[in-house]
Amino acid sequence: MKQFDIPATEILRTRQKLVLDHFHDEVVQRWDDVLATFPHPHYELVATLTVHDGDSAVRGYYHDTRVAFPDQHHEIIALRHSHDAVIVEFWLMGTHLGPLGKIPPTGQTFRVRMTAYFLFDEQENLVCERIYFDTLTMLKQLLGGLDLRNPRHWPTAVRAVRGLLSMAGEPDPRLLATTPPDLGTRP
């Protein structure tokens, strides 16, 4: 399929149903059903430069995020189609009730605007969910409730900063080694 060829309406409907089922099953935590939408589960979180590739890694991602935010859910803003993707703009929401990596739970809620690209190959298999969001917006909401004038909040603030620093590992090279597309333009 070429860049400007939009698939037939029936293909777009099928893709959209798969993506909406995927979203729904994530909220109700039916992980086997979510994973069944991929022949090989693959998530890319661009904001954190992390990749979760394969059944085990993706299940670990689901587990860790639902420990941190057991009530995580979403609100779809818009859904769009391209020649090789369904693009979903949405609000992600939840309450920080468990550790997020090494960041201790703050009990704060968050509401972050995100975009997810559900990428399809030429055989119409979902091959990747690539997610874009602003981590600072989320962190401000999770940590903003800590009153740093109150000494009782200092230990949590220190653990949160240490946790953030420990999460700043090496970026996944698959998200850095990109190749510019051939857009048919002149130099």
N, C-alpha and C. Protein backbone atom coordinates (compact mmCIF):
# COMPACT_ATOMS: atom_id res chain seq x y z
N MET A 1 0.85 -1.18 0.00
CA MET A 1 0.00 0.00 0.00
C MET A 1 0.89 1.24 0.00
N LYS A 2 0.55 2.18 -0.82
CA LYS A 2 1.32 3.41 -0.91
C LYS A 2 0.83 4.44 0.10
N GLN A 3 1.67 5.42 0.33
CA GLN A 3 1.42 6.43 1.35
C GLN A 3 0.06 7.11 1.23
N PHE A 4 -0.41 7.38 0.03
CA PHE A 4 -1.66 8.12 -0.15
C PHE A 4 -2.87 7.23 -0.42
N ASP A 5 -2.67 5.93 -0.41
CA ASP A 5 -3.78 5.00 -0.63
C ASP A 5 -4.47 4.71 0.70
N ILE A 6 -5.70 5.15 0.82
CA ILE A 6 -6.49 4.85 2.02
C ILE A 6 -7.22 3.54 1.76
N PRO A 7 -7.17 2.62 2.71
CA PRO A 7 -7.85 1.32 2.51
C PRO A 7 -9.36 1.48 2.34
N ALA A 8 -9.96 0.44 1.88
CA ALA A 8 -11.41 0.40 1.68
C ALA A 8 -12.12 0.62 3.03
N THR A 9 -13.33 1.11 2.95
CA THR A 9 -14.12 1.42 4.14
C THR A 9 -14.24 0.22 5.07
N GLU A 10 -14.44 -0.96 4.52
CA GLU A 10 -14.59 -2.16 5.36
C GLU A 10 -13.31 -2.44 6.16
N ILE A 11 -12.16 -2.21 5.57
CA ILE A 11 -10.89 -2.40 6.29
C ILE A 11 -10.78 -1.37 7.42
N LEU A 12 -11.17 -0.12 7.12
CA LEU A 12 -11.12 0.92 8.16
C LEU A 12 -12.06 0.57 9.31
N ARG A 13 -13.24 0.07 8.99
CA ARG A 13 -14.19 -0.33 10.04
C ARG A 13 -13.62 -1.48 10.88
N THR A 14 -13.00 -2.44 10.23
CA THR A 14 -12.42 -3.59 10.94
C THR A 14 -11.30 -3.13 11.86
N ARG A 15 -10.43 -2.25 11.36
CA ARG A 15 -9.35 -1.71 12.19
C ARG A 15 -9.93 -0.96 13.39
N GLN A 16 -10.92 -0.11 13.12
CA GLN A 16 -11.50 0.69 14.19
C GLN A 16 -12.12 -0.20 15.27
N LYS A 17 -12.82 -1.23 14.87
CA LYS A 17 -13.42 -2.15 15.85
C LYS A 17 -12.33 -2.80 16.69
N LEU A 18 -11.26 -3.25 16.06
CA LEU A 18 -10.16 -3.88 16.79
C LEU A 18 -9.58 -2.91 17.82
N VAL A 19 -9.37 -1.66 17.40
CA VAL A 19 -8.78 -0.66 18.31
C VAL A 19 -9.74 -0.35 19.46
N LEU A 20 -11.01 -0.18 19.17
CA LEU A 20 -11.97 0.11 20.24
C LEU A 20 -12.11 -1.07 21.20
N ASP A 21 -12.09 -2.30 20.67
CA ASP A 21 -12.10 -3.48 21.54
C ASP A 21 -10.84 -3.51 22.41
N HIS A 22 -9.71 -3.19 21.82
CA HIS A 22 -8.43 -3.14 22.53
C HIS A 22 -8.53 -2.15 23.71
N PHE A 23 -9.03 -0.95 23.44
CA PHE A 23 -9.20 0.07 24.48
C PHE A 23 -10.11 -0.44 25.58
N HIS A 24 -11.26 -0.97 25.20
CA HIS A 24 -12.22 -1.47 26.18
C HIS A 24 -11.62 -2.56 27.05
N ASP A 25 -10.95 -3.52 26.42
CA ASP A 25 -10.39 -4.65 27.17
C ASP A 25 -9.26 -4.21 28.10
N GLU A 26 -8.54 -3.15 27.75
CA GLU A 26 -7.52 -2.62 28.66
C GLU A 26 -8.17 -2.08 29.93
N VAL A 27 -9.26 -1.34 29.78
CA VAL A 27 -9.92 -0.75 30.95
C VAL A 27 -10.45 -1.83 31.89
N VAL A 28 -11.06 -2.87 31.32
CA VAL A 28 -11.61 -3.94 32.17
C VAL A 28 -10.56 -5.00 32.51
N GLN A 29 -9.34 -4.78 32.08
CA GLN A 29 -8.18 -5.61 32.40
C GLN A 29 -8.35 -7.06 31.95
N ARG A 30 -8.85 -7.21 30.74
CA ARG A 30 -8.90 -8.54 30.11
C ARG A 30 -7.66 -8.66 29.23
N TRP A 31 -6.54 -8.98 29.87
CA TRP A 31 -5.24 -8.92 29.20
C TRP A 31 -5.12 -9.93 28.06
N ASP A 32 -5.67 -11.11 28.20
CA ASP A 32 -5.60 -12.09 27.11
C ASP A 32 -6.31 -11.56 25.86
N ASP A 33 -7.43 -10.88 26.06
CA ASP A 33 -8.16 -10.31 24.92
C ASP A 33 -7.39 -9.16 24.28
N VAL A 34 -6.77 -8.32 25.12
CA VAL A 34 -5.97 -7.21 24.58
C VAL A 34 -4.81 -7.77 23.76
N LEU A 35 -4.10 -8.73 24.33
CA LEU A 35 -2.94 -9.30 23.64
C LEU A 35 -3.33 -10.03 22.37
N ALA A 36 -4.55 -10.54 22.31
CA ALA A 36 -5.01 -11.25 21.11
C ALA A 36 -5.20 -10.30 19.93
N THR A 37 -5.18 -8.99 20.17
CA THR A 37 -5.32 -8.05 19.05
C THR A 37 -4.02 -7.92 18.26
N PHE A 38 -2.93 -8.43 18.80
CA PHE A 38 -1.62 -8.41 18.14
C PHE A 38 -1.19 -9.84 17.77
N PRO A 39 -0.52 -10.05 16.64
CA PRO A 39 0.16 -11.33 16.46
C PRO A 39 1.41 -11.39 17.36
N HIS A 40 2.02 -10.21 17.63
CA HIS A 40 3.18 -10.09 18.52
C HIS A 40 3.03 -8.76 19.26
N PRO A 41 2.66 -8.78 20.56
CA PRO A 41 2.44 -7.53 21.29
C PRO A 41 3.68 -6.64 21.29
N HIS A 42 3.45 -5.35 21.03
CA HIS A 42 4.55 -4.40 20.96
C HIS A 42 4.03 -3.00 21.28
N TYR A 43 4.53 -2.43 22.37
CA TYR A 43 4.18 -1.06 22.77
C TYR A 43 5.44 -0.21 22.74
N GLU A 44 5.29 1.01 22.26
CA GLU A 44 6.37 1.99 22.31
C GLU A 44 5.85 3.22 23.04
N LEU A 45 6.49 3.59 24.13
CA LEU A 45 6.13 4.79 24.88
C LEU A 45 7.19 5.84 24.58
N VAL A 46 6.86 6.74 23.69
CA VAL A 46 7.83 7.71 23.20
C VAL A 46 8.26 8.66 24.31
N ALA A 47 7.34 9.05 25.18
CA ALA A 47 7.67 10.01 26.24
C ALA A 47 8.76 9.50 27.17
N THR A 48 8.79 8.21 27.40
CA THR A 48 9.79 7.63 28.30
C THR A 48 10.88 6.88 27.55
N LEU A 49 10.78 6.85 26.22
CA LEU A 49 11.72 6.15 25.34
C LEU A 49 11.89 4.68 25.74
N THR A 50 10.74 4.06 26.06
CA THR A 50 10.75 2.64 26.43
C THR A 50 9.92 1.83 25.44
N VAL A 51 10.32 0.57 25.28
CA VAL A 51 9.62 -0.38 24.42
C VAL A 51 9.29 -1.61 25.25
N HIS A 52 8.07 -2.09 25.11
CA HIS A 52 7.64 -3.34 25.72
C HIS A 52 7.33 -4.27 24.56
N ASP A 53 8.17 -5.27 24.36
CA ASP A 53 8.09 -6.11 23.18
C ASP A 53 7.89 -7.57 23.58
N GLY A 54 6.80 -8.16 23.09
CA GLY A 54 6.51 -9.55 23.38
C GLY A 54 5.51 -9.71 24.51
N ASP A 55 4.92 -10.87 24.58
CA ASP A 55 3.85 -11.17 25.54
C ASP A 55 4.28 -10.88 26.98
N SER A 56 5.41 -11.39 27.39
CA SER A 56 5.86 -11.25 28.77
C SER A 56 6.13 -9.79 29.13
N ALA A 57 6.82 -9.08 28.25
CA ALA A 57 7.14 -7.67 28.52
C ALA A 57 5.88 -6.82 28.58
N VAL A 58 4.92 -7.07 27.69
CA VAL A 58 3.69 -6.28 27.68
C VAL A 58 2.85 -6.61 28.91
N ARG A 59 2.78 -7.88 29.28
CA ARG A 59 2.06 -8.23 30.51
C ARG A 59 2.70 -7.56 31.73
N GLY A 60 4.01 -7.47 31.75
CA GLY A 60 4.70 -6.76 32.83
C GLY A 60 4.33 -5.29 32.87
N TYR A 61 4.25 -4.68 31.70
CA TYR A 61 3.83 -3.27 31.58
C TYR A 61 2.41 -3.10 32.12
N TYR A 62 1.50 -3.99 31.70
CA TYR A 62 0.12 -3.92 32.21
C TYR A 62 0.10 -4.06 33.73
N HIS A 63 0.83 -5.03 34.23
CA HIS A 63 0.85 -5.27 35.68
C HIS A 63 1.35 -4.03 36.42
N ASP A 64 2.50 -3.51 36.00
CA ASP A 64 3.11 -2.38 36.70
C ASP A 64 2.22 -1.14 36.67
N THR A 65 1.59 -0.86 35.52
CA THR A 65 0.76 0.34 35.44
C THR A 65 -0.53 0.19 36.24
N ARG A 66 -1.06 -1.03 36.34
CA ARG A 66 -2.29 -1.22 37.11
C ARG A 66 -2.03 -1.34 38.60
N VAL A 67 -0.82 -1.71 38.99
CA VAL A 67 -0.45 -1.62 40.41
C VAL A 67 -0.39 -0.14 40.79
N ALA A 68 0.22 0.66 39.94
CA ALA A 68 0.33 2.10 40.23
C ALA A 68 -1.02 2.80 40.14
N PHE A 69 -1.82 2.43 39.13
CA PHE A 69 -3.10 3.10 38.87
C PHE A 69 -4.19 2.05 38.65
N PRO A 70 -4.69 1.43 39.72
CA PRO A 70 -5.66 0.34 39.56
C PRO A 70 -6.96 0.77 38.88
N ASP A 71 -7.29 2.04 38.94
CA ASP A 71 -8.53 2.52 38.32
C ASP A 71 -8.28 3.20 36.98
N GLN A 72 -7.14 2.94 36.37
CA GLN A 72 -6.80 3.61 35.10
C GLN A 72 -7.89 3.39 34.06
N HIS A 73 -8.28 4.47 33.42
CA HIS A 73 -9.29 4.40 32.37
C HIS A 73 -9.05 5.56 31.40
N HIS A 74 -9.88 5.67 30.39
CA HIS A 74 -9.66 6.68 29.36
C HIS A 74 -10.99 7.27 28.90
N GLU A 75 -10.83 8.35 28.17
CA GLU A 75 -11.96 9.01 27.52
C GLU A 75 -11.48 9.40 26.12
N ILE A 76 -12.05 8.79 25.11
CA ILE A 76 -11.61 9.07 23.74
C ILE A 76 -12.08 10.45 23.32
N ILE A 77 -11.17 11.20 22.72
CA ILE A 77 -11.46 12.55 22.22
C ILE A 77 -11.75 12.49 20.72
N ALA A 78 -10.89 11.76 19.98
CA ALA A 78 -11.04 11.66 18.53
C ALA A 78 -10.37 10.39 18.05
N LEU A 79 -10.85 9.90 16.92
CA LEU A 79 -10.28 8.72 16.28
C LEU A 79 -10.17 9.04 14.80
N ARG A 80 -8.98 8.77 14.24
CA ARG A 80 -8.72 9.08 12.84
C ARG A 80 -8.06 7.89 12.16
N HIS A 81 -8.16 7.86 10.85
CA HIS A 81 -7.56 6.78 10.07
C HIS A 81 -6.50 7.34 9.13
N SER A 82 -5.46 6.54 8.91
CA SER A 82 -4.47 6.85 7.89
C SER A 82 -4.28 5.60 7.05
N HIS A 83 -3.37 5.65 6.11
CA HIS A 83 -3.20 4.50 5.23
C HIS A 83 -2.71 3.27 5.99
N ASP A 84 -2.00 3.46 7.12
CA ASP A 84 -1.47 2.30 7.85
C ASP A 84 -1.73 2.35 9.35
N ALA A 85 -2.65 3.21 9.80
CA ALA A 85 -2.84 3.35 11.24
C ALA A 85 -4.23 3.85 11.59
N VAL A 86 -4.60 3.56 12.82
CA VAL A 86 -5.72 4.22 13.48
C VAL A 86 -5.07 5.09 14.56
N ILE A 87 -5.43 6.36 14.58
CA ILE A 87 -4.84 7.31 15.50
C ILE A 87 -5.92 7.74 16.48
N VAL A 88 -5.64 7.54 17.76
CA VAL A 88 -6.63 7.84 18.79
C VAL A 88 -6.06 8.88 19.73
N GLU A 89 -6.81 9.96 19.87
CA GLU A 89 -6.49 11.00 20.84
C GLU A 89 -7.42 10.77 22.02
N PHE A 90 -6.86 10.77 23.24
CA PHE A 90 -7.69 10.43 24.40
C PHE A 90 -7.12 11.04 25.67
N TRP A 91 -7.97 11.08 26.69
CA TRP A 91 -7.55 11.42 28.04
C TRP A 91 -7.29 10.11 28.76
N LEU A 92 -6.15 9.99 29.43
CA LEU A 92 -5.89 8.86 30.31
C LEU A 92 -6.00 9.39 31.73
N MET A 93 -6.71 8.63 32.57
CA MET A 93 -6.99 9.08 33.93
C MET A 93 -6.76 7.95 34.91
N GLY A 94 -6.48 8.29 36.14
CA GLY A 94 -6.34 7.29 37.18
C GLY A 94 -5.91 7.93 38.49
N THR A 95 -5.78 7.07 39.51
CA THR A 95 -5.37 7.50 40.84
C THR A 95 -4.11 6.74 41.22
N HIS A 96 -3.12 7.46 41.70
CA HIS A 96 -1.81 6.89 42.02
C HIS A 96 -1.87 6.21 43.40
N LEU A 97 -2.25 4.93 43.40
CA LEU A 97 -2.45 4.19 44.64
C LEU A 97 -1.36 3.16 44.93
N GLY A 98 -0.46 2.94 43.99
CA GLY A 98 0.63 1.99 44.19
C GLY A 98 1.90 2.59 43.61
N PRO A 99 3.04 1.94 43.85
CA PRO A 99 4.29 2.49 43.34
C PRO A 99 4.32 2.52 41.81
N LEU A 100 4.87 3.58 41.28
CA LEU A 100 5.11 3.72 39.84
C LEU A 100 6.62 3.61 39.68
N GLY A 101 7.10 2.42 39.37
CA GLY A 101 8.53 2.17 39.44
C GLY A 101 8.94 2.35 40.88
N LYS A 102 9.86 3.28 41.12
CA LYS A 102 10.29 3.55 42.50
C LYS A 102 9.65 4.82 43.06
N ILE A 103 8.68 5.36 42.35
CA ILE A 103 7.96 6.54 42.86
C ILE A 103 6.85 6.04 43.77
N PRO A 104 6.86 6.45 45.04
CA PRO A 104 5.84 5.96 45.98
C PRO A 104 4.46 6.53 45.63
N PRO A 105 3.40 5.82 45.99
CA PRO A 105 2.05 6.31 45.70
C PRO A 105 1.79 7.63 46.43
N THR A 106 1.11 8.52 45.73
CA THR A 106 0.79 9.83 46.31
C THR A 106 -0.70 9.98 46.60
N GLY A 107 -1.51 9.08 46.06
CA GLY A 107 -2.96 9.19 46.22
C GLY A 107 -3.59 10.23 45.31
N GLN A 108 -2.78 10.88 44.49
CA GLN A 108 -3.27 11.93 43.60
C GLN A 108 -3.87 11.33 42.32
N THR A 109 -4.81 12.05 41.74
CA THR A 109 -5.37 11.64 40.45
C THR A 109 -4.63 12.37 39.34
N PHE A 110 -4.72 11.80 38.14
CA PHE A 110 -4.15 12.46 36.96
C PHE A 110 -5.13 12.38 35.81
N ARG A 111 -4.99 13.31 34.91
CA ARG A 111 -5.75 13.35 33.66
C ARG A 111 -4.79 13.94 32.62
N VAL A 112 -4.33 13.07 31.71
CA VAL A 112 -3.30 13.47 30.75
C VAL A 112 -3.80 13.20 29.34
N ARG A 113 -3.64 14.18 28.48
CA ARG A 113 -4.01 14.02 27.07
C ARG A 113 -2.92 13.24 26.35
N MET A 114 -3.34 12.22 25.58
CA MET A 114 -2.40 11.34 24.91
C MET A 114 -2.85 11.10 23.47
N THR A 115 -1.92 10.59 22.70
CA THR A 115 -2.22 10.12 21.35
C THR A 115 -1.57 8.76 21.18
N ALA A 116 -2.34 7.81 20.64
CA ALA A 116 -1.81 6.48 20.37
C ALA A 116 -1.97 6.18 18.89
N TYR A 117 -0.90 5.72 18.29
CA TYR A 117 -0.91 5.26 16.90
C TYR A 117 -0.95 3.74 16.93
N PHE A 118 -2.02 3.18 16.39
CA PHE A 118 -2.14 1.73 16.25
C PHE A 118 -1.73 1.42 14.81
N LEU A 119 -0.54 0.85 14.66
CA LEU A 119 0.05 0.65 13.34
C LEU A 119 -0.25 -0.75 12.81
N PHE A 120 -0.63 -0.81 11.54
CA PHE A 120 -0.98 -2.06 10.87
C PHE A 120 0.00 -2.35 9.75
N ASP A 121 0.31 -3.64 9.57
CA ASP A 121 1.17 -4.03 8.46
C ASP A 121 0.32 -4.25 7.19
N GLU A 122 0.95 -4.67 6.13
CA GLU A 122 0.23 -4.84 4.85
C GLU A 122 -0.77 -5.99 4.87
N GLN A 123 -0.66 -6.89 5.87
CA GLN A 123 -1.63 -7.98 6.01
C GLN A 123 -2.74 -7.61 7.00
N GLU A 124 -2.77 -6.34 7.40
CA GLU A 124 -3.77 -5.81 8.34
C GLU A 124 -3.63 -6.37 9.75
N ASN A 125 -2.40 -6.72 10.13
CA ASN A 125 -2.12 -7.12 11.50
C ASN A 125 -1.71 -5.89 12.31
N LEU A 126 -2.22 -5.78 13.51
CA LEU A 126 -1.76 -4.73 14.41
C LEU A 126 -0.35 -5.10 14.86
N VAL A 127 0.61 -4.24 14.56
CA VAL A 127 2.01 -4.56 14.86
C VAL A 127 2.62 -3.68 15.95
N CYS A 128 1.94 -2.59 16.29
CA CYS A 128 2.53 -1.69 17.29
C CYS A 128 1.46 -0.73 17.81
N GLU A 129 1.53 -0.47 19.12
CA GLU A 129 0.80 0.68 19.68
C GLU A 129 1.88 1.65 20.15
N ARG A 130 1.95 2.79 19.49
CA ARG A 130 2.96 3.82 19.81
C ARG A 130 2.24 4.98 20.48
N ILE A 131 2.66 5.29 21.71
CA ILE A 131 1.95 6.24 22.55
C ILE A 131 2.80 7.48 22.80
N TYR A 132 2.17 8.64 22.63
CA TYR A 132 2.82 9.93 22.89
C TYR A 132 2.05 10.63 24.01
N PHE A 133 2.80 11.16 24.97
CA PHE A 133 2.19 11.97 26.03
C PHE A 133 3.28 12.80 26.70
N ASP A 134 2.84 13.75 27.49
CA ASP A 134 3.76 14.65 28.18
C ASP A 134 3.93 14.17 29.62
N THR A 135 5.10 13.66 29.93
CA THR A 135 5.34 13.12 31.28
C THR A 135 5.29 14.21 32.35
N LEU A 136 5.71 15.43 32.00
CA LEU A 136 5.70 16.50 32.99
C LEU A 136 4.29 16.81 33.46
N THR A 137 3.33 16.80 32.53
CA THR A 137 1.94 17.03 32.91
C THR A 137 1.48 16.00 33.92
N MET A 138 1.84 14.74 33.67
CA MET A 138 1.43 13.68 34.60
C MET A 138 2.13 13.85 35.95
N LEU A 139 3.44 14.07 35.93
CA LEU A 139 4.19 14.18 37.18
C LEU A 139 3.74 15.37 38.02
N LYS A 140 3.43 16.49 37.36
CA LYS A 140 2.94 17.65 38.10
C LYS A 140 1.66 17.32 38.85
N GLN A 141 0.80 16.52 38.22
CA GLN A 141 -0.46 16.15 38.88
C GLN A 141 -0.23 15.13 40.00
N LEU A 142 0.68 14.18 39.78
CA LEU A 142 0.92 13.16 40.79
C LEU A 142 1.67 13.71 42.01
N LEU A 143 2.59 14.62 41.77
CA LEU A 143 3.41 15.14 42.86
C LEU A 143 2.95 16.51 43.35
N GLY A 144 2.07 17.16 42.59
CA GLY A 144 1.63 18.52 42.93
C GLY A 144 0.88 18.61 44.24
N GLY A 145 0.33 17.51 44.71
CA GLY A 145 -0.41 17.53 45.97
C GLY A 145 0.47 17.47 47.20
N LEU A 146 1.76 17.27 46.99
CA LEU A 146 2.68 17.23 48.14
C LEU A 146 3.00 18.66 48.59
N ASP A 147 2.64 18.99 49.80
CA ASP A 147 2.92 20.31 50.36
C ASP A 147 4.34 20.29 50.94
N LEU A 148 5.27 20.86 50.19
CA LEU A 148 6.68 20.82 50.62
C LEU A 148 6.96 21.73 51.83
N ARG A 149 5.99 22.52 52.22
CA ARG A 149 6.15 23.30 53.46
C ARG A 149 5.86 22.44 54.68
N ASN A 150 5.22 21.29 54.44
CA ASN A 150 4.86 20.38 55.52
C ASN A 150 5.94 19.30 55.63
N PRO A 151 6.68 19.26 56.73
CA PRO A 151 7.77 18.28 56.87
C PRO A 151 7.31 16.82 56.75
N ARG A 152 6.04 16.54 57.01
CA ARG A 152 5.55 15.17 56.87
C ARG A 152 5.59 14.70 55.42
N HIS A 153 5.56 15.61 54.46
CA HIS A 153 5.58 15.26 53.03
C HIS A 153 7.00 15.12 52.48
N TRP A 154 7.99 15.59 53.23
CA TRP A 154 9.37 15.56 52.73
C TRP A 154 9.86 14.15 52.40
N PRO A 155 9.63 13.15 53.26
CA PRO A 155 10.12 11.80 52.89
C PRO A 155 9.52 11.29 51.57
N THR A 156 8.23 11.54 51.36
CA THR A 156 7.61 11.11 50.11
C THR A 156 8.21 11.86 48.93
N ALA A 157 8.43 13.17 49.09
CA ALA A 157 9.02 13.97 48.02
C ALA A 157 10.43 13.47 47.69
N VAL A 158 11.21 13.16 48.71
CA VAL A 158 12.58 12.66 48.49
C VAL A 158 12.53 11.32 47.77
N ARG A 159 11.65 10.41 48.22
CA ARG A 159 11.53 9.10 47.56
C ARG A 159 11.05 9.27 46.12
N ALA A 160 10.17 10.22 45.88
CA ALA A 160 9.67 10.46 44.52
C ALA A 160 10.80 10.95 43.61
N VAL A 161 11.60 11.88 44.10
CA VAL A 161 12.72 12.39 43.29
C VAL A 161 13.73 11.28 43.04
N ARG A 162 14.05 10.51 44.06
CA ARG A 162 14.97 9.37 43.87
C ARG A 162 14.39 8.37 42.87
N GLY A 163 13.09 8.12 42.99
CA GLY A 163 12.43 7.20 42.07
C GLY A 163 12.48 7.70 40.63
N LEU A 164 12.24 9.00 40.44
CA LEU A 164 12.34 9.59 39.10
C LEU A 164 13.73 9.45 38.54
N LEU A 165 14.74 9.73 39.35
CA LEU A 165 16.12 9.64 38.89
C LEU A 165 16.49 8.20 38.54
N SER A 166 15.98 7.23 39.29
CA SER A 166 16.30 5.83 39.00
C SER A 166 15.64 5.35 37.71
N MET A 167 14.55 6.00 37.31
CA MET A 167 13.84 5.60 36.09
C MET A 167 14.48 6.19 34.84
N ALA A 168 15.43 7.09 35.01
CA ALA A 168 16.07 7.75 33.88
C ALA A 168 17.19 6.87 33.33
N GLY A 169 16.82 5.70 32.83
CA GLY A 169 17.80 4.78 32.28
C GLY A 169 18.11 5.10 30.83
N GLU A 170 18.76 4.16 30.19
CA GLU A 170 19.11 4.32 28.79
C GLU A 170 17.86 4.24 27.91
N PRO A 171 17.71 5.15 26.96
CA PRO A 171 16.57 5.06 26.04
C PRO A 171 16.69 3.84 25.14
N ASP A 172 15.56 3.28 24.77
CA ASP A 172 15.57 2.13 23.88
C ASP A 172 16.04 2.59 22.50
N PRO A 173 17.10 1.99 21.97
CA PRO A 173 17.66 2.43 20.69
C PRO A 173 16.67 2.30 19.52
N ARG A 174 15.67 1.43 19.64
CA ARG A 174 14.68 1.30 18.56
C ARG A 174 13.87 2.58 18.38
N LEU A 175 13.80 3.39 19.43
CA LEU A 175 13.07 4.65 19.32
C LEU A 175 13.96 5.81 18.90
N LEU A 176 15.27 5.58 18.88
CA LEU A 176 16.22 6.62 18.49
C LEU A 176 16.72 6.43 17.06
N ALA A 177 16.84 5.20 16.63
CA ALA A 177 17.40 4.89 15.30
C ALA A 177 16.30 4.91 14.26
N THR A 178 15.81 6.09 13.95
CA THR A 178 14.73 6.22 12.96
C THR A 178 15.34 6.59 11.60
N THR A 179 14.60 6.27 10.56
CA THR A 179 15.02 6.60 9.21
C THR A 179 14.03 7.58 8.62
N PRO A 180 14.49 8.70 8.11
CA PRO A 180 13.57 9.66 7.51
C PRO A 180 12.81 9.01 6.34
N PRO A 181 11.53 9.32 6.22
CA PRO A 181 10.77 8.76 5.10
C PRO A 181 11.12 9.43 3.78
N ASP A 182 10.91 8.73 2.71
CA ASP A 182 11.06 9.32 1.37
C ASP A 182 9.73 9.98 1.03
N LEU A 183 9.71 11.29 1.10
CA LEU A 183 8.47 12.03 0.86
C LEU A 183 8.39 12.56 -0.58
N GLY A 184 9.37 12.17 -1.38
CA GLY A 184 9.35 12.59 -2.77
C GLY A 184 9.59 14.07 -2.97
N THR A 185 10.20 14.72 -2.00
CA THR A 185 10.47 16.14 -2.12
C THR A 185 11.91 16.36 -2.54
N ARG A 186 12.15 17.51 -3.09
CA ARG A 186 13.51 17.86 -3.49
C ARG A 186 14.27 18.44 -2.32
N PRO A 187 15.61 18.29 -2.34
CA PRO A 187 16.43 18.86 -1.25
C PRO A 187 16.37 20.36 -1.19
